[in-house]
N, C-alpha and C. Protein backbone atom coordinates (compact mmCIF):
# COMPACT_ATOMS: atom_id res chain seq x y z
N MET A 1 134.72 -18.82 8.23
CA MET A 1 134.50 -20.27 8.47
C MET A 1 135.90 -20.78 7.97
N ILE A 2 136.29 -21.79 8.53
CA ILE A 2 137.71 -22.84 8.04
C ILE A 2 137.51 -23.68 7.20
N VAL A 3 137.38 -23.84 6.16
CA VAL A 3 136.90 -24.70 5.06
C VAL A 3 138.04 -25.98 5.06
N CYS A 4 139.12 -25.97 5.03
CA CYS A 4 140.42 -26.43 4.75
C CYS A 4 140.96 -26.80 5.71
N VAL A 5 140.84 -27.46 6.91
CA VAL A 5 142.00 -27.34 7.92
C VAL A 5 143.39 -27.94 7.92
N CYS A 6 143.58 -28.43 7.08
CA CYS A 6 144.86 -28.88 6.82
C CYS A 6 146.07 -28.09 6.24
N HIS A 7 144.97 -26.62 5.39
CA HIS A 7 145.83 -25.77 5.03
C HIS A 7 145.28 -24.47 5.69
N ARG A 8 144.71 -24.62 6.43
CA ARG A 8 143.67 -23.54 7.19
C ARG A 8 143.37 -22.41 6.04
N ILE A 9 142.37 -22.74 4.80
CA ILE A 9 142.15 -21.37 4.20
C ILE A 9 140.20 -21.71 4.56
N SER A 10 139.97 -20.64 4.37
CA SER A 10 138.94 -20.24 4.44
C SER A 10 137.69 -19.98 3.42
N ASP A 11 136.60 -20.00 3.77
CA ASP A 11 135.51 -20.08 2.70
C ASP A 11 135.34 -18.86 2.55
N ARG A 12 136.07 -17.37 2.58
CA ARG A 12 136.21 -16.44 1.94
C ARG A 12 137.43 -16.15 1.49
N GLU A 13 138.48 -16.48 2.00
CA GLU A 13 139.66 -16.54 0.70
C GLU A 13 139.28 -17.45 -0.32
N ILE A 14 138.63 -18.55 -0.45
CA ILE A 14 138.19 -19.51 -1.52
C ILE A 14 137.32 -18.27 -2.60
N ALA A 15 136.09 -17.85 -2.01
CA ALA A 15 135.21 -17.24 -2.20
C ALA A 15 135.63 -15.95 -3.04
N ARG A 16 137.13 -15.29 -2.71
CA ARG A 16 137.19 -14.29 -3.11
C ARG A 16 138.15 -14.79 -4.37
N HIS A 17 138.86 -15.57 -4.30
CA HIS A 17 139.07 -15.77 -5.37
C HIS A 17 138.18 -16.66 -6.81
N ALA A 18 137.13 -17.01 -6.23
CA ALA A 18 136.52 -17.83 -7.20
C ALA A 18 135.54 -15.86 -7.61
N ARG A 19 135.47 -15.17 -6.88
CA ARG A 19 134.98 -13.90 -7.68
C ARG A 19 136.04 -13.17 -8.49
N ALA A 20 137.25 -13.75 -8.58
CA ALA A 20 137.98 -13.17 -9.18
C ALA A 20 138.13 -13.43 -10.57
N GLY A 21 137.15 -14.97 -10.72
CA GLY A 21 137.34 -15.37 -12.37
C GLY A 21 137.85 -17.07 -12.01
N MET A 22 138.73 -17.81 -10.96
CA MET A 22 139.00 -18.54 -11.14
C MET A 22 138.13 -19.55 -10.94
N GLY A 23 138.79 -20.92 -11.32
CA GLY A 23 137.77 -21.99 -11.51
C GLY A 23 138.19 -22.59 -9.99
N PHE A 24 137.58 -23.81 -9.84
CA PHE A 24 138.16 -24.82 -8.54
C PHE A 24 139.49 -25.31 -8.82
N ASP A 25 139.92 -25.68 -9.96
CA ASP A 25 140.97 -26.26 -10.36
C ASP A 25 141.87 -25.35 -9.98
N GLU A 26 141.92 -24.26 -10.27
CA GLU A 26 142.59 -23.07 -10.03
C GLU A 26 143.02 -22.82 -8.93
N ILE A 27 141.96 -22.36 -8.14
CA ILE A 27 141.91 -22.08 -6.70
C ILE A 27 143.02 -23.20 -5.98
N GLN A 28 142.60 -24.44 -6.21
CA GLN A 28 143.15 -25.98 -5.96
C GLN A 28 144.59 -25.94 -5.37
N PHE A 29 144.95 -25.53 -7.29
CA PHE A 29 146.59 -25.23 -7.46
C PHE A 29 147.21 -24.34 -6.34
N GLU A 30 146.06 -23.17 -6.29
CA GLU A 30 146.81 -21.69 -5.85
C GLU A 30 146.99 -21.89 -3.94
N LEU A 31 145.65 -22.50 -3.81
CA LEU A 31 145.38 -22.27 -2.63
C LEU A 31 146.41 -24.02 -1.64
N GLY A 32 146.15 -24.53 -2.28
CA GLY A 32 146.62 -26.66 -1.50
C GLY A 32 144.93 -26.53 -1.05
N VAL A 33 143.81 -26.00 -1.35
CA VAL A 33 142.46 -26.47 -0.45
C VAL A 33 142.47 -27.96 -1.74
N ALA A 34 141.92 -28.89 -0.38
CA ALA A 34 141.67 -30.21 -1.27
C ALA A 34 142.62 -30.91 -1.64
N THR A 35 144.01 -30.89 -1.47
CA THR A 35 145.29 -31.66 -1.58
C THR A 35 145.47 -32.46 -0.47
N GLN A 36 145.44 -32.37 0.84
CA GLN A 36 145.46 -32.86 1.70
C GLN A 36 145.21 -34.39 2.24
N CYS A 37 144.01 -34.27 2.79
CA CYS A 37 142.87 -35.33 2.85
C CYS A 37 141.94 -35.47 2.33
N GLY A 38 141.42 -34.13 1.73
CA GLY A 38 140.35 -34.32 0.76
C GLY A 38 138.70 -34.34 1.65
N GLN A 39 138.84 -33.77 2.97
CA GLN A 39 137.56 -33.90 3.23
C GLN A 39 137.21 -32.83 2.99
N CYS A 40 137.88 -31.61 2.78
CA CYS A 40 137.34 -30.41 2.27
C CYS A 40 136.74 -29.85 0.80
N GLU A 41 137.01 -31.11 0.01
CA GLU A 41 136.72 -30.85 -1.37
C GLU A 41 135.58 -30.49 -1.94
N GLY A 42 134.04 -31.38 -1.35
CA GLY A 42 132.83 -30.87 -1.68
C GLY A 42 132.44 -29.43 -1.05
N CYS A 43 132.69 -29.08 0.44
CA CYS A 43 132.68 -27.73 0.62
C CYS A 43 133.34 -26.68 0.00
N ALA A 44 133.98 -27.26 -0.56
CA ALA A 44 135.17 -25.91 -1.21
C ALA A 44 134.36 -25.43 -2.60
N ARG A 45 134.46 -26.89 -3.15
CA ARG A 45 133.45 -26.74 -4.54
C ARG A 45 132.52 -26.28 -4.41
N ASP A 46 131.30 -26.29 -3.45
CA ASP A 46 130.24 -25.43 -3.21
C ASP A 46 130.69 -24.07 -3.13
N VAL A 47 131.29 -23.48 -2.17
CA VAL A 47 132.11 -22.41 -2.51
C VAL A 47 131.69 -21.73 -3.71
N VAL A 48 132.84 -22.16 -4.80
CA VAL A 48 133.13 -22.03 -5.59
C VAL A 48 131.94 -21.50 -6.63
N ALA A 49 131.04 -23.06 -6.40
CA ALA A 49 129.80 -22.88 -7.32
C ALA A 49 129.09 -21.26 -7.13
N GLN A 50 128.69 -21.22 -5.73
CA GLN A 50 127.95 -20.16 -5.17
C GLN A 50 128.33 -18.82 -5.35
N CYS A 51 129.88 -18.69 -5.77
CA CYS A 51 130.67 -17.46 -6.09
C CYS A 51 130.40 -17.14 -7.54
N SER A 52 130.58 -18.36 -8.30
CA SER A 52 130.24 -18.11 -9.69
C SER A 52 129.00 -18.12 -10.36
N ALA A 53 127.67 -18.45 -9.52
CA ALA A 53 126.69 -18.25 -10.08
C ALA A 53 126.12 -16.87 -9.40
N SER A 54 126.59 -16.59 -8.16
CA SER A 54 126.10 -15.05 -7.59
C SER A 54 126.92 -14.33 -8.51
N CYS A 55 128.20 -14.20 -8.96
CA CYS A 55 128.96 -13.02 -9.84
C CYS A 55 129.53 -13.27 -10.87
N PRO A 56 128.40 -13.78 -12.19
CA PRO A 56 128.59 -13.77 -13.45
C PRO A 56 129.51 -13.06 -14.20
N THR A 57 129.87 -12.09 -13.53
CA THR A 57 130.72 -10.74 -13.99
C THR A 57 131.99 -11.50 -13.98
N ALA A 58 132.28 -12.32 -13.03
CA ALA A 58 133.80 -12.67 -12.34
C ALA A 58 134.59 -13.14 -14.10
N ASN A 59 133.29 -14.05 -14.32
CA ASN A 59 134.46 -14.19 -15.78
C ASN A 59 134.52 -13.97 -16.84
N ILE A 60 134.07 -12.76 -17.09
CA ILE A 60 134.19 -11.39 -17.98
C ILE A 60 135.39 -12.32 -19.18
N LYS A 61 136.49 -12.85 -18.53
CA LYS A 61 137.51 -13.35 -19.59
C LYS A 61 137.01 -13.89 -20.52
N LEU A 62 135.94 -14.63 -19.94
CA LEU A 62 135.40 -15.88 -20.68
C LEU A 62 134.69 -15.18 -22.07
N ALA A 63 134.55 -13.86 -22.13
CA ALA A 63 134.22 -13.13 -23.70
C ALA A 63 134.67 -12.80 -24.47
N SER A 64 136.12 -12.86 -23.84
CA SER A 64 136.94 -12.90 -25.17
C SER A 64 136.97 -14.13 -26.03
N ASN A 65 136.84 -15.06 -25.47
CA ASN A 65 136.56 -16.16 -26.40
C ASN A 65 135.52 -16.04 -27.51
N LEU A 66 134.09 -15.68 -26.81
CA LEU A 66 132.94 -15.47 -27.69
C LEU A 66 133.36 -14.19 -29.49
N LEU A 67 133.92 -13.53 -28.56
CA LEU A 67 134.49 -12.34 -29.28
C LEU A 67 135.15 -12.59 -31.31
N GLU A 68 136.12 -14.00 -30.44
CA GLU A 68 136.39 -14.77 -32.11
C GLU A 68 135.93 -14.91 -32.88
N GLY A 69 135.83 -14.37 -34.18
CA GLY A 69 134.70 -15.12 -35.21
C GLY A 69 133.22 -14.60 -35.33
N SER A 70 133.05 -13.50 -34.51
CA SER A 70 132.40 -13.15 -34.52
C SER A 70 131.62 -11.90 -35.18
N THR A 71 130.86 -11.01 -35.60
CA THR A 71 130.30 -10.42 -36.56
C THR A 71 130.60 -9.31 -35.69
N TRP A 72 130.43 -8.70 -34.38
CA TRP A 72 130.26 -7.66 -33.69
C TRP A 72 131.26 -6.54 -34.14
N GLN A 73 131.23 -5.44 -34.49
CA GLN A 73 131.99 -4.38 -34.42
C GLN A 73 133.17 -4.53 -33.09
N THR A 74 134.48 -4.06 -34.14
CA THR A 74 135.33 -4.04 -33.06
C THR A 74 135.52 -2.68 -32.91
N LEU A 75 135.87 -2.06 -31.84
CA LEU A 75 136.02 -0.73 -31.11
C LEU A 75 137.67 -0.63 -31.52
N GLN A 76 137.72 0.72 -31.98
CA GLN A 76 139.11 1.68 -32.55
C GLN A 76 139.54 1.76 -30.96
N PRO A 77 141.00 2.00 -30.89
CA PRO A 77 142.24 2.24 -29.76
C PRO A 77 141.52 3.90 -29.91
N PHE A 78 141.31 4.56 -28.83
CA PHE A 78 141.07 5.54 -28.05
C PHE A 78 142.02 6.54 -28.93
N SER A 79 143.16 6.42 -29.07
CA SER A 79 144.32 7.42 -29.44
C SER A 79 144.02 7.21 -31.48
N GLN A 80 143.40 6.36 -32.12
CA GLN A 80 142.93 6.50 -33.53
C GLN A 80 141.67 7.35 -33.70
N LEU A 81 140.77 7.65 -32.63
CA LEU A 81 139.65 8.30 -32.96
C LEU A 81 139.79 9.64 -33.40
N SER A 82 139.16 9.81 -33.98
CA SER A 82 139.59 11.68 -34.64
C SER A 82 138.58 12.72 -33.36
N PRO A 83 139.10 13.78 -33.34
CA PRO A 83 138.29 14.37 -32.07
C PRO A 83 136.87 15.33 -32.81
N SER A 84 136.25 15.29 -31.86
CA SER A 84 135.26 15.90 -32.14
C SER A 84 134.94 17.09 -32.02
N ALA A 85 133.76 17.51 -33.05
CA ALA A 85 133.56 19.18 -33.27
C ALA A 85 133.05 19.81 -32.65
């Protein structure tokens, strides 16, 4: 379904970007959705919210922020591992 008539952006296109981990502002900048008449903003935000809620692994890049200062053990690069017997 076309969400943004001005730029001919579909819900599938918005959802694809949201599942890739992009937020509404990033999608708006990338696709131009809700930048002309603004009538589609509510629907576009709903699509982004639904995709973010149904696909939490899309936001895995945020996990790198959690690792900073964490007590988790860091993994050694594969090249530094000694061969097992």
